[in-house]
Amino acid sequence: MTVQELSTLRHLHREIEQEEARLSELRLRAYSPSGPSLSGMPRGGPEHSKVEQYAAALAEIEAGIQERIVRSTIEEARLRRYIETVPDAQMRNLLLCRFVDCCTWEQVAARCDFERTAYAVKKRVYRFIQKNP
């Protein structure tokens, strides 16, 4: 398995976070009162109301988030199956911390009680991945 394949879950989590932030921003705009039109010009045309526009956008973003959550659940299961095949317990722990729990290299070194630097942990993991595709 490549680093890109192992990093897929991390990228999915980042996408979910970004979409949730976008959703909360859109909800804030949807539920905040807008000021009156002071132009004096009549509003006409086939425009949809503000509520309809925001409701459609909110539903679309929520569906996208749900779809990404399903994909991330499937990807996590796939990663765990791969990591369970690794014979070295310490390497399994490093891989779980980095690619399933989405920790930084510093966090991986601290959580796994690795007595080396974050750079050393990263090198060790990358060497393992190169030797065991």
C-alpha atoms as a PDB file:
ATOM      1  CA  MET A   1       0.000   0.000   0.000  1.00  0.00           C
ATOM      2  CA  THR A   2       1.347   3.438  -0.879  1.00  0.00           C
ATOM      3  CA  VAL A   3       1.517   6.569   1.255  1.00  0.00           C
ATOM      4  CA  GLN A   4      -1.175   8.118  -0.950  1.00  0.00           C
ATOM      5  CA  GLU A   5      -3.519   5.195  -0.325  1.00  0.00           C
ATOM      6  CA  LEU A   6      -2.804   5.310   3.400  1.00  0.00           C
ATOM      7  CA  SER A   7      -3.450   9.071   3.463  1.00  0.00           C
ATOM      8  CA  THR A   8      -6.879   8.829   1.823  1.00  0.00           C
ATOM      9  CA  LEU A   9      -8.708   8.697   5.166  1.00  0.00           C
ATOM     10  CA  ARG A  10      -6.833  11.770   6.391  1.00  0.00           C
ATOM     11  CA  HIS A  11      -7.904  13.681   3.274  1.00  0.00           C
ATOM     12  CA  LEU A  12     -11.510  12.558   3.662  1.00  0.00           C
ATOM     13  CA  HIS A  13     -11.546  13.779   7.274  1.00  0.00           C
ATOM     14  CA  ARG A  14     -10.188  17.141   6.132  1.00  0.00           C
ATOM     15  CA  GLU A  15     -12.886  17.386   3.440  1.00  0.00           C
ATOM     16  CA  ILE A  16     -15.592  16.589   5.997  1.00  0.00           C
ATOM     17  CA  GLU A  17     -14.288  19.292   8.336  1.00  0.00           C
ATOM     18  CA  GLN A  18     -14.246  21.851   5.510  1.00  0.00           C
ATOM     19  CA  GLU A  19     -17.766  20.958   4.404  1.00  0.00           C
ATOM     20  CA  GLU A  20     -19.059  21.126   7.985  1.00  0.00           C
ATOM     21  CA  ALA A  21     -17.537  24.595   8.338  1.00  0.00           C
ATOM     22  CA  ARG A  22     -19.157  25.596   5.059  1.00  0.00           C
ATOM     23  CA  LEU A  23     -22.473  24.182   6.271  1.00  0.00           C
ATOM     24  CA  SER A  24     -22.377  26.097   9.544  1.00  0.00           C
ATOM     25  CA  GLU A  25     -21.512  29.317   7.709  1.00  0.00           C
ATOM     26  CA  LEU A  26     -24.395  28.802   5.315  1.00  0.00           C
ATOM     27  CA  ARG A  27     -26.767  28.043   8.196  1.00  0.00           C
ATOM     28  CA  LEU A  28     -25.682  31.247   9.893  1.00  0.00           C
ATOM     29  CA  ARG A  29     -26.446  33.234   6.744  1.00  0.00           C
ATOM     30  CA  ALA A  30     -29.737  31.405   6.200  1.00  0.00           C
ATOM     31  CA  TYR A  31     -31.063  32.054   9.663  1.00  0.00           C
ATOM     32  CA  SER A  32     -29.834  35.615  10.060  1.00  0.00           C
ATOM     33  CA  PRO A  33     -32.305  38.345   9.222  1.00  0.00           C
ATOM     34  CA  SER A  34     -31.550  40.423   6.162  1.00  0.00           C
ATOM     35  CA  GLY A  35     -32.081  44.131   5.983  1.00  0.00           C
ATOM     36  CA  PRO A  36     -34.841  45.714   3.978  1.00  0.00           C
ATOM     37  CA  SER A  37     -34.269  46.803   0.402  1.00  0.00           C
ATOM     38  CA  LEU A  38     -33.905  50.558   0.543  1.00  0.00           C
ATOM     39  CA  SER A  39     -33.652  51.081  -3.196  1.00  0.00           C
ATOM     40  CA  GLY A  40     -37.370  51.585  -3.568  1.00  0.00           C
ATOM     41  CA  MET A  41     -37.372  49.372  -6.639  1.00  0.00           C
ATOM     42  CA  PRO A  42     -39.869  46.535  -6.736  1.00  0.00           C
ATOM     43  CA  ARG A  43     -38.555  43.007  -6.618  1.00  0.00           C
ATOM     44  CA  GLY A  44     -39.921  40.911  -9.353  1.00  0.00           C
ATOM     45  CA  GLY A  45     -39.111  37.982 -11.510  1.00  0.00           C
ATOM     46  CA  PRO A  46     -38.996  34.256 -11.031  1.00  0.00           C
ATOM     47  CA  GLU A  47     -36.497  34.372  -8.184  1.00  0.00           C
ATOM     48  CA  HIS A  48     -36.899  31.878  -5.386  1.00  0.00           C
ATOM     49  CA  SER A  49     -37.176  33.088  -1.867  1.00  0.00           C
ATOM     50  CA  LYS A  50     -34.135  33.213   0.393  1.00  0.00           C
ATOM     51  CA  VAL A  51     -35.454  30.261   2.378  1.00  0.00           C
ATOM     52  CA  GLU A  52     -35.815  28.081  -0.718  1.00  0.00           C
ATOM     53  CA  GLN A  53     -32.335  28.940  -1.974  1.00  0.00           C
ATOM     54  CA  TYR A  54     -30.663  28.197   1.355  1.00  0.00           C
ATOM     55  CA  ALA A  55     -32.714  25.050   1.957  1.00  0.00           C
ATOM     56  CA  ALA A  56     -31.556  23.556  -1.329  1.00  0.00           C
ATOM     57  CA  ALA A  57     -27.924  24.486  -0.703  1.00  0.00           C
ATOM     58  CA  LEU A  58     -28.035  23.148   2.870  1.00  0.00           C
ATOM     59  CA  ALA A  59     -29.556  19.855   1.734  1.00  0.00           C
ATOM     60  CA  GLU A  60     -26.883  19.455  -0.944  1.00  0.00           C
ATOM     61  CA  ILE A  61     -24.016  20.092   1.470  1.00  0.00           C
ATOM     62  CA  GLU A  62     -25.505  17.754   4.095  1.00  0.00           C
ATOM     63  CA  ALA A  63     -25.837  14.990   1.489  1.00  0.00           C
ATOM     64  CA  GLY A  64     -22.215  15.512   0.483  1.00  0.00           C
ATOM     65  CA  ILE A  65     -21.082  15.268   4.093  1.00  0.00           C
ATOM     66  CA  GLN A  66     -23.049  12.053   4.619  1.00  0.00           C
ATOM     67  CA  GLU A  67     -21.553  10.552   1.464  1.00  0.00           C
ATOM     68  CA  ARG A  68     -18.027  11.430   2.634  1.00  0.00           C
ATOM     69  CA  ILE A  69     -18.717   9.944   6.069  1.00  0.00           C
ATOM     70  CA  VAL A  70     -19.758   6.658   4.461  1.00  0.00           C
ATOM     71  CA  ARG A  71     -16.627   6.686   2.280  1.00  0.00           C
ATOM     72  CA  SER A  72     -14.428   7.424   5.299  1.00  0.00           C
ATOM     73  CA  THR A  73     -15.971   4.528   7.241  1.00  0.00           C
ATOM     74  CA  ILE A  74     -15.252   2.152   4.368  1.00  0.00           C
ATOM     75  CA  GLU A  75     -11.723   3.523   3.984  1.00  0.00           C
ATOM     76  CA  GLU A  76     -11.035   3.177   7.717  1.00  0.00           C
ATOM     77  CA  ALA A  77     -12.095  -0.480   7.625  1.00  0.00           C
ATOM     78  CA  ARG A  78      -9.827  -1.075   4.630  1.00  0.00           C
ATOM     79  CA  LEU A  79      -6.859   0.564   6.395  1.00  0.00           C
ATOM     80  CA  ARG A  80      -7.443  -1.407   9.584  1.00  0.00           C
ATOM     81  CA  ARG A  81      -7.501  -4.676   7.626  1.00  0.00           C
ATOM     82  CA  TYR A  82      -4.163  -3.780   6.024  1.00  0.00           C
ATOM     83  CA  ILE A  83      -2.576  -2.649   9.297  1.00  0.00           C
ATOM     84  CA  GLU A  84      -3.645  -5.863  11.053  1.00  0.00           C
ATOM     85  CA  THR A  85      -1.457  -7.805   8.600  1.00  0.00           C
ATOM     86  CA  VAL A  86       1.701  -5.968   9.754  1.00  0.00           C
ATOM     87  CA  PRO A  87       3.717  -8.372  11.933  1.00  0.00           C
ATOM     88  CA  ASP A  88       5.510  -5.711  14.048  1.00  0.00           C
ATOM     89  CA  ALA A  89       3.284  -4.437  16.881  1.00  0.00           C
ATOM     90  CA  GLN A  90       5.096  -1.116  17.204  1.00  0.00           C
ATOM     91  CA  MET A  91       4.776  -0.450  13.468  1.00  0.00           C
ATOM     92  CA  ARG A  92       1.058  -1.314  13.624  1.00  0.00           C
ATOM     93  CA  ASN A  93       0.676   1.222  16.413  1.00  0.00           C
ATOM     94  CA  LEU A  94       2.563   3.886  14.436  1.00  0.00           C
ATOM     95  CA  LEU A  95       0.456   3.244  11.339  1.00  0.00           C
ATOM     96  CA  LEU A  96      -2.792   3.360  13.320  1.00  0.00           C
ATOM     97  CA  CYS A  97      -1.866   6.630  15.004  1.00  0.00           C
ATOM     98  CA  ARG A  98      -0.803   8.322  11.785  1.00  0.00           C
ATOM     99  CA  PHE A  99      -3.193   7.038   9.147  1.00  0.00           C
ATOM    100  CA  VAL A 100      -6.336   6.006  11.065  1.00  0.00           C
ATOM    101  CA  ASP A 101      -6.317   8.478  13.972  1.00  0.00           C
ATOM    102  CA  CYS A 102      -4.879  11.199  11.663  1.00  0.00           C
ATOM    103  CA  CYS A 103      -2.252  12.365  14.145  1.00  0.00           C
ATOM    104  CA  THR A 104       0.688  14.584  13.269  1.00  0.00           C
ATOM    105  CA  TRP A 105       4.136  13.004  13.359  1.00  0.00           C
ATOM    106  CA  GLU A 106       4.814  14.730  16.691  1.00  0.00           C
ATOM    107  CA  GLN A 107       1.620  13.292  18.131  1.00  0.00           C
ATOM    108  CA  VAL A 108       2.482   9.845  16.768  1.00  0.00           C
ATOM    109  CA  ALA A 109       5.889   9.937  18.476  1.00  0.00           C
ATOM    110  CA  ALA A 110       4.345  11.092  21.761  1.00  0.00           C
ATOM    111  CA  ARG A 111       1.366   8.703  21.769  1.00  0.00           C
ATOM    112  CA  CYS A 112       3.412   5.660  20.848  1.00  0.00           C
ATOM    113  CA  ASP A 113       6.093   6.429  23.458  1.00  0.00           C
ATOM    114  CA  PHE A 114       8.643   6.462  20.693  1.00  0.00           C
ATOM    115  CA  GLU A 115      11.920   7.735  22.109  1.00  0.00           C
ATOM    116  CA  ARG A 116      12.994   9.375  18.877  1.00  0.00           C
ATOM    117  CA  THR A 117      12.033  12.571  17.124  1.00  0.00           C
ATOM    118  CA  ALA A 118       8.987  12.996  14.948  1.00  0.00           C
ATOM    119  CA  TYR A 119      11.300  13.006  11.915  1.00  0.00           C
ATOM    120  CA  ALA A 120      12.732   9.623  12.932  1.00  0.00           C
ATOM    121  CA  VAL A 121       9.228   8.200  13.317  1.00  0.00           C
ATOM    122  CA  LYS A 122       8.275   9.483   9.889  1.00  0.00           C
ATOM    123  CA  LYS A 123      11.392   7.992   8.284  1.00  0.00           C
ATOM    124  CA  ARG A 124      10.787   4.644   9.943  1.00  0.00           C
ATOM    125  CA  VAL A 125       7.184   4.501   8.717  1.00  0.00           C
ATOM    126  CA  TYR A 126       8.094   5.584   5.178  1.00  0.00           C
ATOM    127  CA  ARG A 127      10.886   3.007   4.994  1.00  0.00           C
ATOM    128  CA  PHE A 128       8.456   0.326   6.113  1.00  0.00           C
ATOM    129  CA  ILE A 129       5.964   1.376   3.440  1.00  0.00           C
ATOM    130  CA  GLN A 130       8.644   1.334   0.734  1.00  0.00           C
ATOM    131  CA  LYS A 131       9.807  -2.157   1.725  1.00  0.00           C
ATOM    132  CA  ASN A 132       6.276  -3.557   2.083  1.00  0.00           C
ATOM    133  CA  PRO A 133       4.094  -2.317  -0.775  1.00  0.00           C
END
